[in-house]
PDB file of N, CA and C in Angstrom:
ATOM      1  N   GLN A   1      15.376   2.325  -2.717  1.00  0.00           N
ATOM      2  CA  GLN A   1      14.295   1.435  -1.603  1.00  0.00           C
ATOM      3  C   GLN A   1      15.307   1.702  -0.562  1.00  0.00           C
ATOM      4  N   SER A   2      16.595   0.998  -0.364  1.00  0.00           N
ATOM      5  CA  SER A   2      17.444   2.087   1.251  1.00  0.00           C
ATOM      6  C   SER A   2      17.289   2.518   1.162  1.00  0.00           C
ATOM      7  N   ASN A   3      17.387   3.490   0.563  1.00  0.00           N
ATOM      8  CA  ASN A   3      17.206   5.103   1.568  1.00  0.00           C
ATOM      9  C   ASN A   3      15.391   5.446   2.247  1.00  0.00           C
ATOM     10  N   PHE A   4      14.529   4.657   2.029  1.00  0.00           N
ATOM     11  CA  PHE A   4      13.305   5.046   2.574  1.00  0.00           C
ATOM     12  C   PHE A   4      12.604   4.553   3.326  1.00  0.00           C
ATOM     13  N   THR A   5      12.590   5.488   4.647  1.00  0.00           N
ATOM     14  CA  THR A   5      12.361   5.224   6.163  1.00  0.00           C
ATOM     15  C   THR A   5      11.002   6.195   5.510  1.00  0.00           C
ATOM     16  N   LYS A   6      10.706   5.290   7.576  1.00  0.00           N
ATOM     17  CA  LYS A   6       9.251   6.210   7.983  1.00  0.00           C
ATOM     18  C   LYS A   6      10.157   7.692   8.061  1.00  0.00           C
ATOM     19  N   GLU A   7      11.081   7.384   8.386  1.00  0.00           N
ATOM     20  CA  GLU A   7      11.035   9.186   9.862  1.00  0.00           C
ATOM     21  C   GLU A   7      11.707   9.898   8.393  1.00  0.00           C
ATOM     22  N   LYS A   8      12.251   9.236   7.432  1.00  0.00           N
ATOM     23  CA  LYS A   8      12.405  10.093   5.908  1.00  0.00           C
ATOM     24  C   LYS A   8      11.206  10.797   5.329  1.00  0.00           C
ATOM     25  N   LEU A   9      10.116   9.586   5.316  1.00  0.00           N
ATOM     26  CA  LEU A   9       9.005   9.866   4.915  1.00  0.00           C
ATOM     27  C   LEU A   9       8.195  11.279   5.916  1.00  0.00           C
ATOM     28  N   GLU A  10       8.314  10.714   7.068  1.00  0.00           N
ATOM     29  CA  GLU A  10       7.875  12.040   8.029  1.00  0.00           C
ATOM     30  C   GLU A  10       8.282  13.102   7.461  1.00  0.00           C
ATOM     31  N   ILE A  11       9.979  13.613   8.082  1.00  0.00           N
ATOM     32  CA  ILE A  11      10.082  14.550   7.404  1.00  0.00           C
ATOM     33  C   ILE A  11      10.235  15.213   6.255  1.00  0.00           C
ATOM     34  N   GLU A  12       9.859  14.738   4.642  1.00  0.00           N
ATOM     35  CA  GLU A  12       9.380  15.218   3.842  1.00  0.00           C
ATOM     36  C   GLU A  12       7.810  15.778   3.684  1.00  0.00           C
ATOM     37  N   LEU A  13       7.120  14.639   4.168  1.00  0.00           N
ATOM     38  CA  LEU A  13       5.751  15.608   4.489  1.00  0.00           C
ATOM     39  C   LEU A  13       6.027  16.708   4.874  1.00  0.00           C
ATOM     40  N   ASN A  14       6.316  16.777   6.210  1.00  0.00           N
ATOM     41  CA  ASN A  14       5.999  17.773   6.947  1.00  0.00           C
ATOM     42  C   ASN A  14       6.877  18.875   5.812  1.00  0.00           C
ATOM     43  N   LYS A  15       7.969  18.570   5.350  1.00  0.00           N
ATOM     44  CA  LYS A  15       8.772  19.698   5.221  1.00  0.00           C
ATOM     45  C   LYS A  15       7.541  20.187   3.694  1.00  0.00           C
ATOM     46  N   ASN A  16       6.486  19.460   3.519  1.00  0.00           N
ATOM     47  CA  ASN A  16       5.429  19.725   2.164  1.00  0.00           C
ATOM     48  C   ASN A  16       4.635  20.305   3.189  1.00  0.00           C
ATOM     49  N   ARG A  17       4.417  21.059   4.377  1.00  0.00           N
ATOM     50  CA  ARG A  17       2.887  21.060   5.081  1.00  0.00           C
ATOM     51  C   ARG A  17       1.822  20.762   4.874  1.00  0.00           C
ATOM     52  N   THR A  18       2.570  18.993   4.958  1.00  0.00           N
ATOM     53  CA  THR A  18       1.581  18.269   4.869  1.00  0.00           C
ATOM     54  C   THR A  18       0.442  18.002   6.884  1.00  0.00           C
ATOM     55  N   PRO A  19      -0.638  18.370   6.400  1.00  0.00           N
ATOM     56  CA  PRO A  19      -0.871  18.715   7.745  1.00  0.00           C
ATOM     57  C   PRO A  19      -1.286  17.742   8.967  1.00  0.00           C
ATOM     58  N   LYS A  20      -0.799  17.660  10.062  1.00  0.00           N
ATOM     59  CA  LYS A  20      -0.514  16.425  11.005  1.00  0.00           C
ATOM     60  C   LYS A  20      -1.683  14.968  10.576  1.00  0.00           C
ATOM     61  N   ASN A  21      -2.104  15.323  11.146  1.00  0.00           N
ATOM     62  CA  ASN A  21      -3.259  14.059  10.691  1.00  0.00           C
ATOM     63  C   ASN A  21      -3.222  13.350   9.451  1.00  0.00           C
ATOM     64  N   ILE A  22      -2.922  13.711   8.286  1.00  0.00           N
ATOM     65  CA  ILE A  22      -2.479  13.296   7.269  1.00  0.00           C
ATOM     66  C   ILE A  22      -1.249  12.116   7.647  1.00  0.00           C
ATOM     67  N   VAL A  23       0.115  13.092   7.658  1.00  0.00           N
ATOM     68  CA  VAL A  23       1.546  12.608   8.484  1.00  0.00           C
ATOM     69  C   VAL A  23       1.217  11.440   9.446  1.00  0.00           C
ATOM     70  N   ILE A  24       0.430  11.544  10.348  1.00  0.00           N
ATOM     71  CA  ILE A  24       0.298  10.562  11.276  1.00  0.00           C
ATOM     72  C   ILE A  24      -1.032   9.179  10.616  1.00  0.00           C
ATOM     73  N   ASN A  25      -1.733   9.671   9.906  1.00  0.00           N
ATOM     74  CA  ASN A  25      -2.539   8.669   9.344  1.00  0.00           C
ATOM     75  C   ASN A  25      -1.252   7.660   8.115  1.00  0.00           C
ATOM     76  N   THR A  26      -0.241   8.484   7.653  1.00  0.00           N
ATOM     77  CA  THR A  26       0.096   7.502   6.566  1.00  0.00           C
ATOM     78  C   THR A  26       1.185   6.721   7.455  1.00  0.00           C
ATOM     79  N   LEU A  27       1.706   7.102   8.348  1.00  0.00           N
ATOM     80  CA  LEU A  27       2.892   6.405   8.709  1.00  0.00           C
ATOM     81  C   LEU A  27       1.853   5.466   9.583  1.00  0.00           C
ATOM     82  N   GLU A  28       0.679   5.538   9.970  1.00  0.00           N
ATOM     83  CA  GLU A  28       0.107   4.173  10.606  1.00  0.00           C
ATOM     84  C   GLU A  28      -0.234   3.178   9.813  1.00  0.00           C
ATOM     85  N   ILE A  29      -0.841   3.894   8.296  1.00  0.00           N
ATOM     86  CA  ILE A  29      -0.422   2.751   7.493  1.00  0.00           C
ATOM     87  C   ILE A  29       0.499   2.334   7.528  1.00  0.00           C
ATOM     88  N   ILE A  30       1.793   2.432   7.089  1.00  0.00           N
ATOM     89  CA  ILE A  30       3.081   1.856   6.844  1.00  0.00           C
ATOM     90  C   ILE A  30       3.302   0.820   7.918  1.00  0.00           C
ATOM     91  N   ASN A  31       2.897   1.056   9.279  1.00  0.00           N
ATOM     92  CA  ASN A  31       2.769   0.277  10.226  1.00  0.00           C
ATOM     93  C   ASN A  31       2.268  -1.021  10.164  1.00  0.00           C
ATOM     94  N   LYS A  32       1.280  -0.434   9.635  1.00  0.00           N
ATOM     95  CA  LYS A  32      -0.210  -1.566   9.191  1.00  0.00           C
ATOM     96  C   LYS A  32       1.076  -3.070   8.035  1.00  0.00           C
ATOM     97  N   LEU A  33       1.349  -2.095   7.443  1.00  0.00           N
ATOM     98  CA  LEU A  33       1.769  -2.717   6.336  1.00  0.00           C
ATOM     99  C   LEU A  33       2.650  -3.724   6.658  1.00  0.00           C
ATOM    100  N   GLU A  34       3.722  -2.784   7.503  1.00  0.00           N
ATOM    101  CA  GLU A  34       5.131  -3.537   7.665  1.00  0.00           C
ATOM    102  C   GLU A  34       4.171  -4.878   8.841  1.00  0.00           C
ATOM    103  N   MET A  35       3.276  -4.567   9.795  1.00  0.00           N
ATOM    104  CA  MET A  35       2.701  -5.678  10.777  1.00  0.00           C
ATOM    105  C   MET A  35       2.134  -6.736  10.020  1.00  0.00           C
ATOM    106  N   PHE A  36       1.567  -6.686   8.947  1.00  0.00           N
ATOM    107  CA  PHE A  36       0.584  -7.162   7.616  1.00  0.00           C
ATOM    108  C   PHE A  36       1.581  -8.460   6.407  1.00  0.00           C
ATOM    109  N   ASN A  37       3.548  -7.517   6.385  1.00  0.00           N
ATOM    110  CA  ASN A  37       3.295  -8.615   5.559  1.00  0.00           C
ATOM    111  C   ASN A  37       4.711  -9.583   6.722  1.00  0.00           C
ATOM    112  N   TYR A  38       4.431  -9.283   7.941  1.00  0.00           N
ATOM    113  CA  TYR A  38       5.267 -10.223   8.367  1.00  0.00           C
ATOM    114  C   TYR A  38       4.185 -11.044   9.342  1.00  0.00           C
ATOM    115  N   SER A  39       2.630 -11.114   9.062  1.00  0.00           N
ATOM    116  CA  SER A  39       2.221 -11.598  10.113  1.00  0.00           C
ATOM    117  C   SER A  39       1.284 -13.433   9.520  1.00  0.00           C
ATOM    118  N   GLY A  40       2.269 -13.085   7.531  1.00  0.00           N
ATOM    119  CA  GLY A  40       1.598 -14.585   7.440  1.00  0.00           C
ATOM    120  C   GLY A  40       0.172 -13.928   6.115  1.00  0.00           C
ATOM    121  N   ARG A  41      -0.134 -12.904   6.011  1.00  0.00           N
ATOM    122  CA  ARG A  41      -1.287 -12.580   5.088  1.00  0.00           C
ATOM    123  C   ARG A  41      -2.685 -13.531   5.135  1.00  0.00           C
ATOM    124  N   ASN A  42      -2.596 -14.078   6.645  1.00  0.00           N
ATOM    125  CA  ASN A  42      -4.085 -14.851   6.339  1.00  0.00           C
ATOM    126  C   ASN A  42      -5.359 -13.630   6.894  1.00  0.00           C
ATOM    127  N   ASP A  43      -5.205 -12.751   7.549  1.00  0.00           N
ATOM    128  CA  ASP A  43      -6.536 -12.034   7.558  1.00  0.00           C
ATOM    129  C   ASP A  43      -6.701 -11.213   6.754  1.00  0.00           C
ATOM    130  N   LEU A  44      -7.812 -11.581   6.058  1.00  0.00           N
ATOM    131  CA  LEU A  44      -8.537 -10.653   4.540  1.00  0.00           C
ATOM    132  C   LEU A  44      -8.816  -9.609   5.058  1.00  0.00           C
ATOM    133  N   LYS A  45      -9.394  -9.470   6.072  1.00  0.00           N
ATOM    134  CA  LYS A  45     -10.050  -8.463   6.758  1.00  0.00           C
ATOM    135  C   LYS A  45      -8.946  -7.084   6.774  1.00  0.00           C
ATOM    136  N   ILE A  46      -8.327  -7.728   7.391  1.00  0.00           N
ATOM    137  CA  ILE A  46      -6.985  -7.028   7.633  1.00  0.00           C
ATOM    138  C   ILE A  46      -6.145  -5.775   6.214  1.00  0.00           C
ATOM    139  N   SER A  47      -6.246  -6.665   5.287  1.00  0.00           N
ATOM    140  CA  SER A  47      -5.291  -6.184   4.110  1.00  0.00           C
ATOM    141  C   SER A  47      -6.849  -5.089   3.486  1.00  0.00           C
ATOM    142  N   GLU A  48      -8.232  -5.948   3.674  1.00  0.00           N
ATOM    143  CA  GLU A  48      -9.215  -5.049   3.622  1.00  0.00           C
ATOM    144  C   GLU A  48      -9.263  -3.535   3.923  1.00  0.00           C
ATOM    145  N   GLU A  49      -8.585  -3.650   5.371  1.00  0.00           N
ATOM    146  CA  GLU A  49      -8.645  -2.157   6.002  1.00  0.00           C
ATOM    147  C   GLU A  49      -7.259  -1.422   5.649  1.00  0.00           C
ATOM    148  N   ILE A  50      -6.685  -2.112   5.340  1.00  0.00           N
ATOM    149  CA  ILE A  50      -5.074  -1.698   4.869  1.00  0.00           C
ATOM    150  C   ILE A  50      -5.698  -0.352   3.625  1.00  0.00           C
ATOM    151  N   PHE A  51      -5.797  -1.668   2.860  1.00  0.00           N
ATOM    152  CA  PHE A  51      -6.357  -1.438   0.888  1.00  0.00           C
ATOM    153  C   PHE A  51      -7.668   0.662   1.347  1.00  0.00           C
ATOM    154  N   LYS A  52      -8.235   0.353   2.206  1.00  0.00           N
ATOM    155  CA  LYS A  52      -9.097   1.388   2.233  1.00  0.00           C
ATOM    156  C   LYS A  52      -8.807   2.733   3.079  1.00  0.00           C
ATOM    157  N   ASP A  53      -7.543   2.350   3.906  1.00  0.00           N
ATOM    158  CA  ASP A  53      -7.538   3.191   4.879  1.00  0.00           C
ATOM    159  C   ASP A  53      -6.183   3.841   3.354  1.00  0.00           C
ATOM    160  N   SER A  54      -5.835   3.395   3.101  1.00  0.00           N
ATOM    161  CA  SER A  54      -4.217   4.041   1.762  1.00  0.00           C
ATOM    162  C   SER A  54      -5.480   4.570   1.019  1.00  0.00           C
ATOM    163  N   ILE A  55      -6.633   4.328   0.412  1.00  0.00           N
ATOM    164  CA  ILE A  55      -7.272   5.084  -0.625  1.00  0.00           C
ATOM    165  C   ILE A  55      -7.641   6.612  -0.037  1.00  0.00           C
ATOM    166  N   ASP A  56      -8.284   6.263   1.430  1.00  0.00           N
ATOM    167  CA  ASP A  56      -8.601   7.413   1.881  1.00  0.00           C
ATOM    168  C   ASP A  56      -7.465   8.629   2.191  1.00  0.00           C
ATOM    169  N   ILE A  57      -6.287   8.332   2.542  1.00  0.00           N
ATOM    170  CA  ILE A  57      -5.167   8.610   2.615  1.00  0.00           C
ATOM    171  C   ILE A  57      -5.005   9.628   1.076  1.00  0.00           C
ATOM    172  N   ILE A  58      -4.788   8.687   0.581  1.00  0.00           N
ATOM    173  CA  ILE A  58      -4.436   8.990  -1.328  1.00  0.00           C
ATOM    174  C   ILE A  58      -5.250  10.012  -1.489  1.00  0.00           C
ATOM    175  N   ASP A  59      -6.861   9.855  -1.308  1.00  0.00           N
ATOM    176  CA  ASP A  59      -7.455  10.978  -1.902  1.00  0.00           C
ATOM    177  C   ASP A  59      -7.477  11.937  -0.952  1.00  0.00           C
ATOM    178  N   GLU A  60      -7.209  11.737   0.043  1.00  0.00           N
ATOM    179  CA  GLU A  60      -6.530  13.392   1.192  1.00  0.00           C
ATOM    180  C   GLU A  60      -5.712  14.250   0.454  1.00  0.00           C
ATOM    181  N   ILE A  61      -4.557  13.617   0.545  1.00  0.00           N
ATOM    182  CA  ILE A  61      -3.403  14.535  -0.391  1.00  0.00           C
ATOM    183  C   ILE A  61      -3.581  14.717  -1.769  1.00  0.00           C
ATOM    184  N   GLU A  62      -4.746  13.895  -2.437  1.00  0.00           N
ATOM    185  CA  GLU A  62      -4.836  14.820  -3.906  1.00  0.00           C
ATOM    186  C   GLU A  62      -5.812  15.835  -3.493  1.00  0.00           C
ATOM    187  N   GLN A  63      -6.706  15.572  -2.648  1.00  0.00           N
ATOM    188  CA  GLN A  63      -8.140  17.219  -2.294  1.00  0.00           C
ATOM    189  C   GLN A  63      -6.315  18.074  -1.626  1.00  0.00           C
ATOM    190  N   LEU A  64      -5.359  17.690  -0.947  1.00  0.00           N
ATOM    191  CA  LEU A  64      -4.566  19.412  -0.707  1.00  0.00           C
ATOM    192  C   LEU A  64      -4.429  19.587  -2.173  1.00  0.00           C
ATOM    193  N   ASN A  65      -4.083  19.097  -3.225  1.00  0.00           N
ATOM    194  CA  ASN A  65      -2.916  19.375  -4.720  1.00  0.00           C
ATOM    195  C   ASN A  65      -3.927  20.122  -5.549  1.00  0.00           C
ATOM    196  N   LYS A  66      -5.116  20.202  -4.826  1.00  0.00           N
ATOM    197  CA  LYS A  66      -5.743  20.721  -6.126  1.00  0.00           C
ATOM    198  C   LYS A  66      -5.618  22.659  -5.912  1.00  0.00           C
TER     199      LYS A  66
END
């Protein structure tokens, strides 16, 4: 965990030639998760949005690997 950073993730995604839109969306989700983590988790709508966005990105990445 200590070696995991957004910057390293971005480098790995780019190294694997992940499309730019997926890289950007993945980093945006991580930013949302960080904000959500520090917000007190009172807004259920935010958590549902993050969940949906995460599933969408996972689906896009899975499509790349087919």
